[in-house]
Amino acid sequence: MYILTALNFYAHGSYQKNIGHDFNLVLSQPAVSNCITEVTNGLLDVMEDFIKFPSTAQEIASVKQQ
């Protein structure tokens, strides 16, 4: 439920209480906020291992070519 709640919030960018209504679940605003915080912190922990943006002109050109 944590991941689905956070993904829904990321996708819609809407106020957190709407997520509880979308899933037909009873989620308080603090519970939704906690879901988003925990999932975001988890993504930040693994971000450097799996997400890499080109930082040099050569890397940017290579990505553009691909």
PDB file of N, CA and C in Angstrom:
ATOM      1  N   MET A   1       0.816  -1.180   0.000  1.00  0.00           N
ATOM      2  CA  MET A   1       0.000   0.000   0.000  1.00  0.00           C
ATOM      3  C   MET A   1       0.868   1.255   0.000  1.00  0.00           C
ATOM      4  N   TYR A   2       2.007   1.212   0.664  1.00  0.00           N
ATOM      5  CA  TYR A   2       2.890   2.379   0.729  1.00  0.00           C
ATOM      6  C   TYR A   2       3.325   2.815  -0.668  1.00  0.00           C
ATOM      7  N   ILE A   3       3.800   1.864  -1.456  1.00  0.00           N
ATOM      8  CA  ILE A   3       4.315   2.200  -2.782  1.00  0.00           C
ATOM      9  C   ILE A   3       3.197   2.703  -3.685  1.00  0.00           C
ATOM     10  N   LEU A   4       2.050   2.049  -3.667  1.00  0.00           N
ATOM     11  CA  LEU A   4       0.939   2.493  -4.505  1.00  0.00           C
ATOM     12  C   LEU A   4       0.464   3.891  -4.116  1.00  0.00           C
ATOM     13  N   THR A   5       0.429   4.164  -2.845  1.00  0.00           N
ATOM     14  CA  THR A   5       0.016   5.483  -2.380  1.00  0.00           C
ATOM     15  C   THR A   5       0.989   6.546  -2.868  1.00  0.00           C
ATOM     16  N   ALA A   6       2.279   6.282  -2.718  1.00  0.00           N
ATOM     17  CA  ALA A   6       3.290   7.249  -3.149  1.00  0.00           C
ATOM     18  C   ALA A   6       3.279   7.415  -4.668  1.00  0.00           C
ATOM     19  N   LEU A   7       3.179   6.322  -5.413  1.00  0.00           N
ATOM     20  CA  LEU A   7       3.151   6.424  -6.870  1.00  0.00           C
ATOM     21  C   LEU A   7       1.944   7.217  -7.356  1.00  0.00           C
ATOM     22  N   ASN A   8       0.815   7.007  -6.722  1.00  0.00           N
ATOM     23  CA  ASN A   8      -0.370   7.764  -7.091  1.00  0.00           C
ATOM     24  C   ASN A   8      -0.146   9.255  -6.844  1.00  0.00           C
ATOM     25  N   PHE A   9       0.456   9.577  -5.733  1.00  0.00           N
ATOM     26  CA  PHE A   9       0.740  10.983  -5.421  1.00  0.00           C
ATOM     27  C   PHE A   9       1.736  11.568  -6.420  1.00  0.00           C
ATOM     28  N   TYR A  10       2.803  10.818  -6.726  1.00  0.00           N
ATOM     29  CA  TYR A  10       3.788  11.305  -7.696  1.00  0.00           C
ATOM     30  C   TYR A  10       3.137  11.549  -9.063  1.00  0.00           C
ATOM     31  N   ALA A  11       2.271  10.635  -9.472  1.00  0.00           N
ATOM     32  CA  ALA A  11       1.663  10.721 -10.803  1.00  0.00           C
ATOM     33  C   ALA A  11       0.689  11.883 -10.919  1.00  0.00           C
ATOM     34  N   HIS A  12      -0.076  12.121  -9.874  1.00  0.00           N
ATOM     35  CA  HIS A  12      -1.114  13.137  -9.958  1.00  0.00           C
ATOM     36  C   HIS A  12      -0.684  14.480  -9.381  1.00  0.00           C
ATOM     37  N   GLY A  13       0.283  14.462  -8.478  1.00  0.00           N
ATOM     38  CA  GLY A  13       0.723  15.701  -7.867  1.00  0.00           C
ATOM     39  C   GLY A  13      -0.394  16.405  -7.126  1.00  0.00           C
ATOM     40  N   SER A  14      -1.368  15.630  -6.705  1.00  0.00           N
ATOM     41  CA  SER A  14      -2.532  16.219  -6.048  1.00  0.00           C
ATOM     42  C   SER A  14      -2.367  16.160  -4.533  1.00  0.00           C
ATOM     43  N   TYR A  15      -3.269  16.818  -3.881  1.00  0.00           N
ATOM     44  CA  TYR A  15      -3.253  16.833  -2.426  1.00  0.00           C
ATOM     45  C   TYR A  15      -3.366  15.417  -1.881  1.00  0.00           C
ATOM     46  N   GLN A  16      -2.696  15.139  -0.805  1.00  0.00           N
ATOM     47  CA  GLN A  16      -2.554  13.788  -0.295  1.00  0.00           C
ATOM     48  C   GLN A  16      -3.873  13.122   0.076  1.00  0.00           C
ATOM     49  N   LYS A  17      -4.836  13.844   0.562  1.00  0.00           N
ATOM     50  CA  LYS A  17      -6.096  13.219   0.980  1.00  0.00           C
ATOM     51  C   LYS A  17      -6.836  12.578  -0.187  1.00  0.00           C
ATOM     52  N   ASN A  18      -6.651  13.080  -1.395  1.00  0.00           N
ATOM     53  CA  ASN A  18      -7.329  12.502  -2.560  1.00  0.00           C
ATOM     54  C   ASN A  18      -6.934  11.059  -2.796  1.00  0.00           C
ATOM     55  N   ILE A  19      -5.736  10.693  -2.404  1.00  0.00           N
ATOM     56  CA  ILE A  19      -5.259   9.324  -2.618  1.00  0.00           C
ATOM     57  C   ILE A  19      -6.115   8.328  -1.851  1.00  0.00           C
ATOM     58  N   GLY A  20      -6.468   8.654  -0.639  1.00  0.00           N
ATOM     59  CA  GLY A  20      -7.314   7.770   0.152  1.00  0.00           C
ATOM     60  C   GLY A  20      -8.652   7.527  -0.508  1.00  0.00           C
ATOM     61  N   HIS A  21      -9.215   8.555  -1.116  1.00  0.00           N
ATOM     62  CA  HIS A  21     -10.485   8.408  -1.816  1.00  0.00           C
ATOM     63  C   HIS A  21     -10.318   7.591  -3.100  1.00  0.00           C
ATOM     64  N   ASP A  22      -9.197   7.765  -3.805  1.00  0.00           N
ATOM     65  CA  ASP A  22      -8.961   7.031  -5.045  1.00  0.00           C
ATOM     66  C   ASP A  22      -8.881   5.527  -4.805  1.00  0.00           C
ATOM     67  N   PHE A  23      -8.272   5.121  -3.713  1.00  0.00           N
ATOM     68  CA  PHE A  23      -8.101   3.699  -3.421  1.00  0.00           C
ATOM     69  C   PHE A  23      -9.276   3.121  -2.629  1.00  0.00           C
ATOM     70  N   ASN A  24     -10.262   3.955  -2.311  1.00  0.00           N
ATOM     71  CA  ASN A  24     -11.387   3.536  -1.481  1.00  0.00           C
ATOM     72  C   ASN A  24     -10.906   2.966  -0.158  1.00  0.00           C
ATOM     73  N   LEU A  25      -9.872   3.541   0.373  1.00  0.00           N
ATOM     74  CA  LEU A  25      -9.342   3.149   1.665  1.00  0.00           C
ATOM     75  C   LEU A  25      -9.485   4.314   2.628  1.00  0.00           C
ATOM     76  N   VAL A  26      -9.476   3.996   3.877  1.00  0.00           N
ATOM     77  CA  VAL A  26      -9.527   5.055   4.873  1.00  0.00           C
ATOM     78  C   VAL A  26      -8.092   5.344   5.293  1.00  0.00           C
ATOM     79  N   LEU A  27      -7.515   6.371   4.682  1.00  0.00           N
ATOM     80  CA  LEU A  27      -6.161   6.780   5.019  1.00  0.00           C
ATOM     81  C   LEU A  27      -6.201   8.222   5.492  1.00  0.00           C
ATOM     82  N   SER A  28      -5.652   8.448   6.640  1.00  0.00           N
ATOM     83  CA  SER A  28      -5.588   9.819   7.126  1.00  0.00           C
ATOM     84  C   SER A  28      -4.490  10.566   6.383  1.00  0.00           C
ATOM     85  N   GLN A  29      -4.550  11.877   6.423  1.00  0.00           N
ATOM     86  CA  GLN A  29      -3.523  12.687   5.775  1.00  0.00           C
ATOM     87  C   GLN A  29      -2.141  12.373   6.351  1.00  0.00           C
ATOM     88  N   PRO A  30      -1.995  12.229   7.686  1.00  0.00           N
ATOM     89  CA  PRO A  30      -0.674  11.865   8.211  1.00  0.00           C
ATOM     90  C   PRO A  30      -0.186  10.497   7.722  1.00  0.00           C
ATOM     91  N   ALA A  31      -1.101   9.540   7.549  1.00  0.00           N
ATOM     92  CA  ALA A  31      -0.714   8.218   7.058  1.00  0.00           C
ATOM     93  C   ALA A  31      -0.221   8.307   5.618  1.00  0.00           C
ATOM     94  N   VAL A  32      -0.911   9.078   4.787  1.00  0.00           N
ATOM     95  CA  VAL A  32      -0.500   9.262   3.398  1.00  0.00           C
ATOM     96  C   VAL A  32       0.854   9.971   3.355  1.00  0.00           C
ATOM     97  N   SER A  33       0.997  11.004   4.171  1.00  0.00           N
ATOM     98  CA  SER A  33       2.262  11.735   4.226  1.00  0.00           C
ATOM     99  C   SER A  33       3.403  10.809   4.622  1.00  0.00           C
ATOM    100  N   ASN A  34       3.150   9.914   5.565  1.00  0.00           N
ATOM    101  CA  ASN A  34       4.162   8.952   6.004  1.00  0.00           C
ATOM    102  C   ASN A  34       4.536   7.997   4.872  1.00  0.00           C
ATOM    103  N   CYS A  35       3.552   7.529   4.121  1.00  0.00           N
ATOM    104  CA  CYS A  35       3.817   6.650   2.970  1.00  0.00           C
ATOM    105  C   CYS A  35       4.735   7.352   1.975  1.00  0.00           C
ATOM    106  N   ILE A  36       4.387   8.577   1.632  1.00  0.00           N
ATOM    107  CA  ILE A  36       5.160   9.330   0.650  1.00  0.00           C
ATOM    108  C   ILE A  36       6.578   9.566   1.144  1.00  0.00           C
ATOM    109  N   THR A  37       6.712   9.925   2.403  1.00  0.00           N
ATOM    110  CA  THR A  37       8.036  10.182   2.979  1.00  0.00           C
ATOM    111  C   THR A  37       8.898   8.929   2.963  1.00  0.00           C
ATOM    112  N   GLU A  38       8.342   7.801   3.399  1.00  0.00           N
ATOM    113  CA  GLU A  38       9.130   6.567   3.464  1.00  0.00           C
ATOM    114  C   GLU A  38       9.538   6.067   2.079  1.00  0.00           C
ATOM    115  N   VAL A  39       8.622   6.116   1.120  1.00  0.00           N
ATOM    116  CA  VAL A  39       8.947   5.662  -0.235  1.00  0.00           C
ATOM    117  C   VAL A  39       9.974   6.598  -0.866  1.00  0.00           C
ATOM    118  N   THR A  40       9.803   7.892  -0.689  1.00  0.00           N
ATOM    119  CA  THR A  40      10.756   8.861  -1.242  1.00  0.00           C
ATOM    120  C   THR A  40      12.140   8.658  -0.642  1.00  0.00           C
ATOM    121  N   ASN A  41      12.213   8.477   0.659  1.00  0.00           N
ATOM    122  CA  ASN A  41      13.516   8.237   1.301  1.00  0.00           C
ATOM    123  C   ASN A  41      14.150   6.943   0.802  1.00  0.00           C
ATOM    124  N   GLY A  42      13.336   5.921   0.575  1.00  0.00           N
ATOM    125  CA  GLY A  42      13.858   4.670   0.031  1.00  0.00           C
ATOM    126  C   GLY A  42      14.412   4.855  -1.372  1.00  0.00           C
ATOM    127  N   LEU A  43      13.709   5.619  -2.189  1.00  0.00           N
ATOM    128  CA  LEU A  43      14.199   5.889  -3.544  1.00  0.00           C
ATOM    129  C   LEU A  43      15.496   6.689  -3.512  1.00  0.00           C
ATOM    130  N   LEU A  44      15.578   7.645  -2.613  1.00  0.00           N
ATOM    131  CA  LEU A  44      16.799   8.440  -2.508  1.00  0.00           C
ATOM    132  C   LEU A  44      17.990   7.584  -2.080  1.00  0.00           C
ATOM    133  N   ASP A  45      17.732   6.575  -1.236  1.00  0.00           N
ATOM    134  CA  ASP A  45      18.807   5.688  -0.778  1.00  0.00           C
ATOM    135  C   ASP A  45      19.426   4.880  -1.910  1.00  0.00           C
ATOM    136  N   VAL A  46      18.599   4.463  -2.880  1.00  0.00           N
ATOM    137  CA  VAL A  46      19.101   3.626  -3.971  1.00  0.00           C
ATOM    138  C   VAL A  46      19.352   4.410  -5.253  1.00  0.00           C
ATOM    139  N   MET A  47      19.025   5.673  -5.245  1.00  0.00           N
ATOM    140  CA  MET A  47      19.106   6.488  -6.454  1.00  0.00           C
ATOM    141  C   MET A  47      20.493   6.455  -7.099  1.00  0.00           C
ATOM    142  N   GLU A  48      21.528   6.604  -6.311  1.00  0.00           N
ATOM    143  CA  GLU A  48      22.876   6.661  -6.877  1.00  0.00           C
ATOM    144  C   GLU A  48      23.289   5.346  -7.531  1.00  0.00           C
ATOM    145  N   ASP A  49      22.709   4.243  -7.091  1.00  0.00           N
ATOM    146  CA  ASP A  49      23.047   2.943  -7.662  1.00  0.00           C
ATOM    147  C   ASP A  49      22.333   2.682  -8.985  1.00  0.00           C
ATOM    148  N   PHE A  50      21.146   3.255  -9.174  1.00  0.00           N
ATOM    149  CA  PHE A  50      20.332   2.913 -10.329  1.00  0.00           C
ATOM    150  C   PHE A  50      19.997   4.077 -11.250  1.00  0.00           C
ATOM    151  N   ILE A  51      20.123   5.288 -10.777  1.00  0.00           N
ATOM    152  CA  ILE A  51      19.777   6.454 -11.589  1.00  0.00           C
ATOM    153  C   ILE A  51      21.016   7.307 -11.772  1.00  0.00           C
ATOM    154  N   LYS A  52      21.396   7.512 -13.020  1.00  0.00           N
ATOM    155  CA  LYS A  52      22.578   8.306 -13.295  1.00  0.00           C
ATOM    156  C   LYS A  52      22.281   9.235 -14.465  1.00  0.00           C
ATOM    157  N   PHE A  53      22.508  10.504 -14.250  1.00  0.00           N
ATOM    158  CA  PHE A  53      22.338  11.489 -15.304  1.00  0.00           C
ATOM    159  C   PHE A  53      23.695  11.817 -15.900  1.00  0.00           C
ATOM    160  N   PRO A  54      23.758  12.029 -17.202  1.00  0.00           N
ATOM    161  CA  PRO A  54      25.046  12.377 -17.817  1.00  0.00           C
ATOM    162  C   PRO A  54      25.555  13.701 -17.251  1.00  0.00           C
ATOM    163  N   SER A  55      26.860  13.742 -16.987  1.00  0.00           N
ATOM    164  CA  SER A  55      27.410  14.942 -16.361  1.00  0.00           C
ATOM    165  C   SER A  55      28.460  15.641 -17.217  1.00  0.00           C
ATOM    166  N   THR A  56      28.950  14.959 -18.227  1.00  0.00           N
ATOM    167  CA  THR A  56      29.942  15.591 -19.098  1.00  0.00           C
ATOM    168  C   THR A  56      29.332  15.795 -20.486  1.00  0.00           C
ATOM    169  N   ALA A  57      29.952  16.663 -21.255  1.00  0.00           N
ATOM    170  CA  ALA A  57      29.472  16.922 -22.614  1.00  0.00           C
ATOM    171  C   ALA A  57      29.493  15.649 -23.451  1.00  0.00           C
ATOM    172  N   GLN A  58      30.526  14.827 -23.264  1.00  0.00           N
ATOM    173  CA  GLN A  58      30.634  13.575 -24.010  1.00  0.00           C
ATOM    174  C   GLN A  58      29.489  12.611 -23.644  1.00  0.00           C
ATOM    175  N   GLU A  59      29.181  12.487 -22.351  1.00  0.00           N
ATOM    176  CA  GLU A  59      28.089  11.621 -21.922  1.00  0.00           C
ATOM    177  C   GLU A  59      26.746  12.118 -22.458  1.00  0.00           C
ATOM    178  N   ILE A  60      26.534  13.426 -22.452  1.00  0.00           N
ATOM    179  CA  ILE A  60      25.299  13.996 -22.965  1.00  0.00           C
ATOM    180  C   ILE A  60      25.158  13.712 -24.450  1.00  0.00           C
ATOM    181  N   ALA A  61      26.238  13.894 -25.207  1.00  0.00           N
ATOM    182  CA  ALA A  61      26.205  13.621 -26.636  1.00  0.00           C
ATOM    183  C   ALA A  61      25.917  12.149 -26.910  1.00  0.00           C
ATOM    184  N   SER A  62      26.503  11.275 -26.101  1.00  0.00           N
ATOM    185  CA  SER A  62      26.276   9.836 -26.269  1.00  0.00           C
ATOM    186  C   SER A  62      24.808   9.485 -26.023  1.00  0.00           C
ATOM    187  N   VAL A  63      24.225  10.054 -24.993  1.00  0.00           N
ATOM    188  CA  VAL A  63      22.817   9.798 -24.691  1.00  0.00           C
ATOM    189  C   VAL A  63      21.928  10.323 -25.812  1.00  0.00           C
ATOM    190  N   LYS A  64      22.250  11.472 -26.355  1.00  0.00           N
ATOM    191  CA  LYS A  64      21.476  12.042 -27.465  1.00  0.00           C
ATOM    192  C   LYS A  64      21.528  11.126 -28.679  1.00  0.00           C
ATOM    193  N   GLN A  65      22.708  10.544 -28.939  1.00  0.00           N
ATOM    194  CA  GLN A  65      22.865   9.647 -30.092  1.00  0.00           C
ATOM    195  C   GLN A  65      22.019   8.395 -29.943  1.00  0.00           C
ATOM    196  N   GLN A  66      21.950   7.883 -28.729  1.00  0.00           N
ATOM    197  CA  GLN A  66      21.212   6.643 -28.473  1.00  0.00           C
ATOM    198  C   GLN A  66      19.741   6.903 -28.595  1.00  0.00           C
TER     199      GLN A  66
END
